[in-house]
Structures are given as structure tokens and as C-alpha cells.
Amino acid sequence: MPPASETTDRLIVRDGVARAVAVVGLAGVALIHVLDLPGTFEETPYKGVLYVGLIAGCLAAAAVLVGRSDRRAWLAAAALPLGAIVAFVLSRTVGLPNGADDIGNWTETLGLASLFVEGCVVALAGRMLVETAESRAVAVPAGA
């Protein structure tokens, strides 16, 4: 069994790598939506406002993760892209208000790129949240 300091060092490195990947992923989600923003504001202004909120939220979560591993930032890193995935699926299935022209449009390149990046960020953030919960359970003795 490796010494405790070696295990701690490995966990610190893994956390740093996970945060770096999440920051790049969140920036990717923001960039994809910035690229789609002009046309979106023209077609469905409320969706443009939602994009701006997603962009700002992703950049804020990324900014926190640059400095430290924070449960709230990981929650945002999971929830924001997950919300975008749900909105994408809804827009392609039942449609969004004033956006019925997207129904069935599953092959849009930017949309597929967005789904890929968002899915990766959600998976990573979910794993980090599980690890955080597991480490808290170990740190707090049963019945305490």
C-alpha cells in the first residue's frame, strides 16, 4: 500500500487534471453557443437570452474551477450543460415555442459538437461529485 502522502499527491494531481479538463469543456460549451448566438437572437430572442445565461454560467463555473475544486462549481458544471442537452432534445422532438423549424434537425454540425462537449462535461462533473460525496462519507464516521 502506498504511503498516505503519495495517495494524497495522486488525488491532488487527478483533481487538478479534472478541473483543467472541465474548464476547457465549459469554455467549449460557451464558445459553441457564442458562435450560434447571432442567428439565435434573430430567430428566437428568448433562446438568445438563455444562451447568454448559459455562456455566463459556464464561464463563471470555469473561473471558480481554475482556482479550486468547489462542489457548487461542479454542480453548475453538471447542471448547465445538462440543461442545454435537454433543451436541444426538446427542440428536436416536440419543439420549443417559436422554434418548430428545428424539429427533426438532428444533424446540425454545431448542435452535434455541442452535445459531445456537454455530455463529456456532464460525465466528468458527475464523477467528481460522486468522488466528493464518497470522500465526505469516509471522512465523517458513521453515527457522527
C-alpha atoms as a PDB file:
ATOM      1  CA  MET A   1       0.000   0.000   0.000  1.00  0.00           C
ATOM      2  CA  PRO A   2       1.470   3.406  -0.978  1.00  0.00           C
ATOM      3  CA  PRO A   3       2.197   5.935   1.761  1.00  0.00           C
ATOM      4  CA  ALA A   4      -0.612   8.367   2.570  1.00  0.00           C
ATOM      5  CA  SER A   5       1.344  11.314   1.131  1.00  0.00           C
ATOM      6  CA  GLU A   6       1.721   9.512  -2.226  1.00  0.00           C
ATOM      7  CA  THR A   7      -2.004   8.780  -2.345  1.00  0.00           C
ATOM      8  CA  THR A   8      -2.783  12.389  -1.442  1.00  0.00           C
ATOM      9  CA  ASP A   9      -0.400  13.653  -4.133  1.00  0.00           C
ATOM     10  CA  ARG A  10      -2.106  11.457  -6.736  1.00  0.00           C
ATOM     11  CA  LEU A  11      -5.533  12.745  -5.705  1.00  0.00           C
ATOM     12  CA  ILE A  12      -4.344  16.341  -5.913  1.00  0.00           C
ATOM     13  CA  VAL A  13      -2.943  15.786  -9.409  1.00  0.00           C
ATOM     14  CA  ARG A  14      -6.117  13.988 -10.536  1.00  0.00           C
ATOM     15  CA  ASP A  15      -8.263  16.818  -9.170  1.00  0.00           C
ATOM     16  CA  GLY A  16      -6.124  19.378 -10.999  1.00  0.00           C
ATOM     17  CA  VAL A  17      -6.396  17.476 -14.272  1.00  0.00           C
ATOM     18  CA  ALA A  18     -10.163  17.054 -13.856  1.00  0.00           C
ATOM     19  CA  ARG A  19     -10.587  20.760 -13.152  1.00  0.00           C
ATOM     20  CA  ALA A  20      -8.461  21.691 -16.189  1.00  0.00           C
ATOM     21  CA  VAL A  21     -10.487  19.408 -18.460  1.00  0.00           C
ATOM     22  CA  ALA A  22     -13.736  20.807 -17.035  1.00  0.00           C
ATOM     23  CA  VAL A  23     -12.560  24.393 -17.604  1.00  0.00           C
ATOM     24  CA  VAL A  24     -11.747  23.626 -21.246  1.00  0.00           C
ATOM     25  CA  GLY A  25     -15.079  21.810 -21.666  1.00  0.00           C
ATOM     26  CA  LEU A  26     -17.078  24.635 -20.112  1.00  0.00           C
ATOM     27  CA  ALA A  27     -15.247  27.133 -22.312  1.00  0.00           C
ATOM     28  CA  GLY A  28     -16.128  24.920 -25.294  1.00  0.00           C
ATOM     29  CA  VAL A  29     -19.816  24.924 -24.348  1.00  0.00           C
ATOM     30  CA  ALA A  30     -19.674  28.719 -24.034  1.00  0.00           C
ATOM     31  CA  LEU A  31     -17.856  29.121 -27.369  1.00  0.00           C
ATOM     32  CA  ILE A  32     -20.271  26.898 -29.279  1.00  0.00           C
ATOM     33  CA  HIS A  33     -23.190  28.953 -28.002  1.00  0.00           C
ATOM     34  CA  VAL A  34     -21.407  32.252 -28.741  1.00  0.00           C
ATOM     35  CA  LEU A  35     -20.991  31.072 -32.343  1.00  0.00           C
ATOM     36  CA  ASP A  36     -24.704  30.249 -32.592  1.00  0.00           C
ATOM     37  CA  LEU A  37     -25.850  33.365 -30.720  1.00  0.00           C
ATOM     38  CA  PRO A  38     -26.324  35.917 -33.544  1.00  0.00           C
ATOM     39  CA  GLY A  39     -28.728  33.763 -35.566  1.00  0.00           C
ATOM     40  CA  THR A  40     -30.498  32.631 -32.424  1.00  0.00           C
ATOM     41  CA  PHE A  41     -31.258  36.192 -31.302  1.00  0.00           C
ATOM     42  CA  GLU A  42     -32.720  36.922 -34.731  1.00  0.00           C
ATOM     43  CA  GLU A  43     -34.901  33.784 -34.878  1.00  0.00           C
ATOM     44  CA  THR A  44     -35.963  33.341 -31.234  1.00  0.00           C
ATOM     45  CA  PRO A  45     -34.845  36.158 -28.941  1.00  0.00           C
ATOM     46  CA  TYR A  46     -35.783  34.335 -25.698  1.00  0.00           C
ATOM     47  CA  LYS A  47     -33.479  31.473 -26.707  1.00  0.00           C
ATOM     48  CA  GLY A  48     -30.697  34.024 -27.243  1.00  0.00           C
ATOM     49  CA  VAL A  49     -31.209  35.265 -23.693  1.00  0.00           C
ATOM     50  CA  LEU A  50     -30.993  31.667 -22.447  1.00  0.00           C
ATOM     51  CA  TYR A  51     -27.759  31.244 -24.423  1.00  0.00           C
ATOM     52  CA  VAL A  52     -26.290  34.318 -22.737  1.00  0.00           C
ATOM     53  CA  GLY A  53     -27.205  32.864 -19.336  1.00  0.00           C
ATOM     54  CA  LEU A  54     -25.616  29.531 -20.279  1.00  0.00           C
ATOM     55  CA  ILE A  55     -22.472  31.239 -21.547  1.00  0.00           C
ATOM     56  CA  ALA A  56     -22.136  33.380 -18.412  1.00  0.00           C
ATOM     57  CA  GLY A  57     -22.847  30.435 -16.105  1.00  0.00           C
ATOM     58  CA  CYS A  58     -20.313  28.186 -17.838  1.00  0.00           C
ATOM     59  CA  LEU A  59     -17.639  30.880 -17.701  1.00  0.00           C
ATOM     60  CA  ALA A  60     -18.378  31.580 -14.015  1.00  0.00           C
ATOM     61  CA  ALA A  61     -18.159  27.886 -13.095  1.00  0.00           C
ATOM     62  CA  ALA A  62     -14.947  27.578 -15.102  1.00  0.00           C
ATOM     63  CA  ALA A  63     -13.468  30.598 -13.326  1.00  0.00           C
ATOM     64  CA  VAL A  64     -14.113  29.019  -9.936  1.00  0.00           C
ATOM     65  CA  LEU A  65     -12.673  25.667 -11.047  1.00  0.00           C
ATOM     66  CA  VAL A  66      -9.489  27.369 -12.236  1.00  0.00           C
ATOM     67  CA  GLY A  67      -8.744  28.274  -8.632  1.00  0.00           C
ATOM     68  CA  ARG A  68     -10.150  25.380  -6.617  1.00  0.00           C
ATOM     69  CA  SER A  69     -12.345  22.328  -6.587  1.00  0.00           C
ATOM     70  CA  ASP A  70     -15.699  23.574  -5.352  1.00  0.00           C
ATOM     71  CA  ARG A  71     -18.834  21.442  -5.029  1.00  0.00           C
ATOM     72  CA  ARG A  72     -21.090  24.281  -6.210  1.00  0.00           C
ATOM     73  CA  ALA A  73     -18.929  24.838  -9.287  1.00  0.00           C
ATOM     74  CA  TRP A  74     -19.054  21.103 -10.054  1.00  0.00           C
ATOM     75  CA  LEU A  75     -22.832  21.189  -9.647  1.00  0.00           C
ATOM     76  CA  ALA A  76     -23.009  24.082 -12.109  1.00  0.00           C
ATOM     77  CA  ALA A  77     -20.631  22.238 -14.455  1.00  0.00           C
ATOM     78  CA  ALA A  78     -23.092  19.341 -14.450  1.00  0.00           C
ATOM     79  CA  ALA A  79     -26.382  21.257 -14.465  1.00  0.00           C
ATOM     80  CA  LEU A  80     -25.689  23.924 -17.106  1.00  0.00           C
ATOM     81  CA  PRO A  81     -24.609  21.603 -19.938  1.00  0.00           C
ATOM     82  CA  LEU A  82     -27.285  19.077 -18.917  1.00  0.00           C
ATOM     83  CA  GLY A  83     -29.889  21.828 -19.298  1.00  0.00           C
ATOM     84  CA  ALA A  84     -28.523  22.605 -22.762  1.00  0.00           C
ATOM     85  CA  ILE A  85     -28.744  18.912 -23.717  1.00  0.00           C
ATOM     86  CA  VAL A  86     -32.358  18.738 -22.536  1.00  0.00           C
ATOM     87  CA  ALA A  87     -33.235  21.925 -24.445  1.00  0.00           C
ATOM     88  CA  PHE A  88     -31.574  20.550 -27.593  1.00  0.00           C
ATOM     89  CA  VAL A  89     -33.505  17.288 -27.366  1.00  0.00           C
ATOM     90  CA  LEU A  90     -36.783  19.120 -26.725  1.00  0.00           C
ATOM     91  CA  SER A  91     -36.150  21.448 -29.666  1.00  0.00           C
ATOM     92  CA  ARG A  92     -35.588  18.449 -31.962  1.00  0.00           C
ATOM     93  CA  THR A  93     -38.547  16.383 -30.716  1.00  0.00           C
ATOM     94  CA  VAL A  94     -41.578  18.406 -29.581  1.00  0.00           C
ATOM     95  CA  GLY A  95     -40.113  21.789 -30.467  1.00  0.00           C
ATOM     96  CA  LEU A  96     -39.693  24.954 -28.445  1.00  0.00           C
ATOM     97  CA  PRO A  97     -42.027  27.950 -28.652  1.00  0.00           C
ATOM     98  CA  ASN A  98     -41.416  29.794 -31.950  1.00  0.00           C
ATOM     99  CA  GLY A  99     -38.813  27.162 -32.854  1.00  0.00           C
ATOM    100  CA  ALA A 100     -40.715  24.376 -34.579  1.00  0.00           C
ATOM    101  CA  ASP A 101     -38.351  24.581 -37.563  1.00  0.00           C
ATOM    102  CA  ASP A 102     -35.714  22.666 -35.522  1.00  0.00           C
ATOM    103  CA  ILE A 103     -37.919  19.584 -35.104  1.00  0.00           C
ATOM    104  CA  GLY A 104     -36.101  16.620 -36.610  1.00  0.00           C
ATOM    105  CA  ASN A 105     -32.899  18.581 -37.293  1.00  0.00           C
ATOM    106  CA  TRP A 106     -30.530  16.101 -35.592  1.00  0.00           C
ATOM    107  CA  THR A 107     -27.564  16.530 -37.929  1.00  0.00           C
ATOM    108  CA  GLU A 108     -26.668  20.178 -37.400  1.00  0.00           C
ATOM    109  CA  THR A 109     -22.875  20.206 -37.008  1.00  0.00           C
ATOM    110  CA  LEU A 110     -22.713  22.796 -34.242  1.00  0.00           C
ATOM    111  CA  GLY A 111     -25.500  21.024 -32.348  1.00  0.00           C
ATOM    112  CA  LEU A 112     -23.698  17.673 -32.517  1.00  0.00           C
ATOM    113  CA  ALA A 113     -20.439  19.264 -31.368  1.00  0.00           C
ATOM    114  CA  SER A 114     -22.341  20.881 -28.522  1.00  0.00           C
ATOM    115  CA  LEU A 115     -23.903  17.574 -27.457  1.00  0.00           C
ATOM    116  CA  PHE A 116     -20.493  15.905 -27.432  1.00  0.00           C
ATOM    117  CA  VAL A 117     -18.791  18.595 -25.342  1.00  0.00           C
ATOM    118  CA  GLU A 118     -21.762  18.966 -22.996  1.00  0.00           C
ATOM    119  CA  GLY A 119     -22.004  15.212 -22.492  1.00  0.00           C
ATOM    120  CA  CYS A 120     -18.314  14.975 -21.641  1.00  0.00           C
ATOM    121  CA  VAL A 121     -18.544  17.832 -19.141  1.00  0.00           C
ATOM    122  CA  VAL A 122     -21.670  16.367 -17.512  1.00  0.00           C
ATOM    123  CA  ALA A 123     -19.973  12.958 -17.187  1.00  0.00           C
ATOM    124  CA  LEU A 124     -16.812  14.464 -15.678  1.00  0.00           C
ATOM    125  CA  ALA A 125     -18.708  16.717 -13.285  1.00  0.00           C
ATOM    126  CA  GLY A 126     -20.921  13.814 -12.244  1.00  0.00           C
ATOM    127  CA  ARG A 127     -17.870  11.693 -11.467  1.00  0.00           C
ATOM    128  CA  MET A 128     -16.275  14.492  -9.450  1.00  0.00           C
ATOM    129  CA  LEU A 129     -19.496  14.989  -7.476  1.00  0.00           C
ATOM    130  CA  VAL A 130     -19.636  11.256  -6.718  1.00  0.00           C
ATOM    131  CA  GLU A 131     -15.997  11.289  -5.588  1.00  0.00           C
ATOM    132  CA  THR A 132     -16.674  14.304  -3.382  1.00  0.00           C
ATOM    133  CA  ALA A 133     -19.658  12.570  -1.786  1.00  0.00           C
ATOM    134  CA  GLU A 134     -17.647   9.367  -1.268  1.00  0.00           C
ATOM    135  CA  SER A 135     -14.738  11.212   0.322  1.00  0.00           C
ATOM    136  CA  ARG A 136     -17.131  13.034   2.673  1.00  0.00           C
ATOM    137  CA  ALA A 137     -18.718   9.725   3.675  1.00  0.00           C
ATOM    138  CA  VAL A 138     -15.274   8.310   4.518  1.00  0.00           C
ATOM    139  CA  ALA A 139     -14.223  11.469   6.376  1.00  0.00           C
ATOM    140  CA  VAL A 140     -17.341  11.513   8.571  1.00  0.00           C
ATOM    141  CA  PRO A 141     -17.568   8.397  10.762  1.00  0.00           C
ATOM    142  CA  ALA A 142     -20.905   6.599  10.825  1.00  0.00           C
ATOM    143  CA  GLY A 143     -23.202   7.845  13.544  1.00  0.00           C
ATOM    144  CA  ALA A 144     -21.348  11.151  13.888  1.00  0.00           C
END
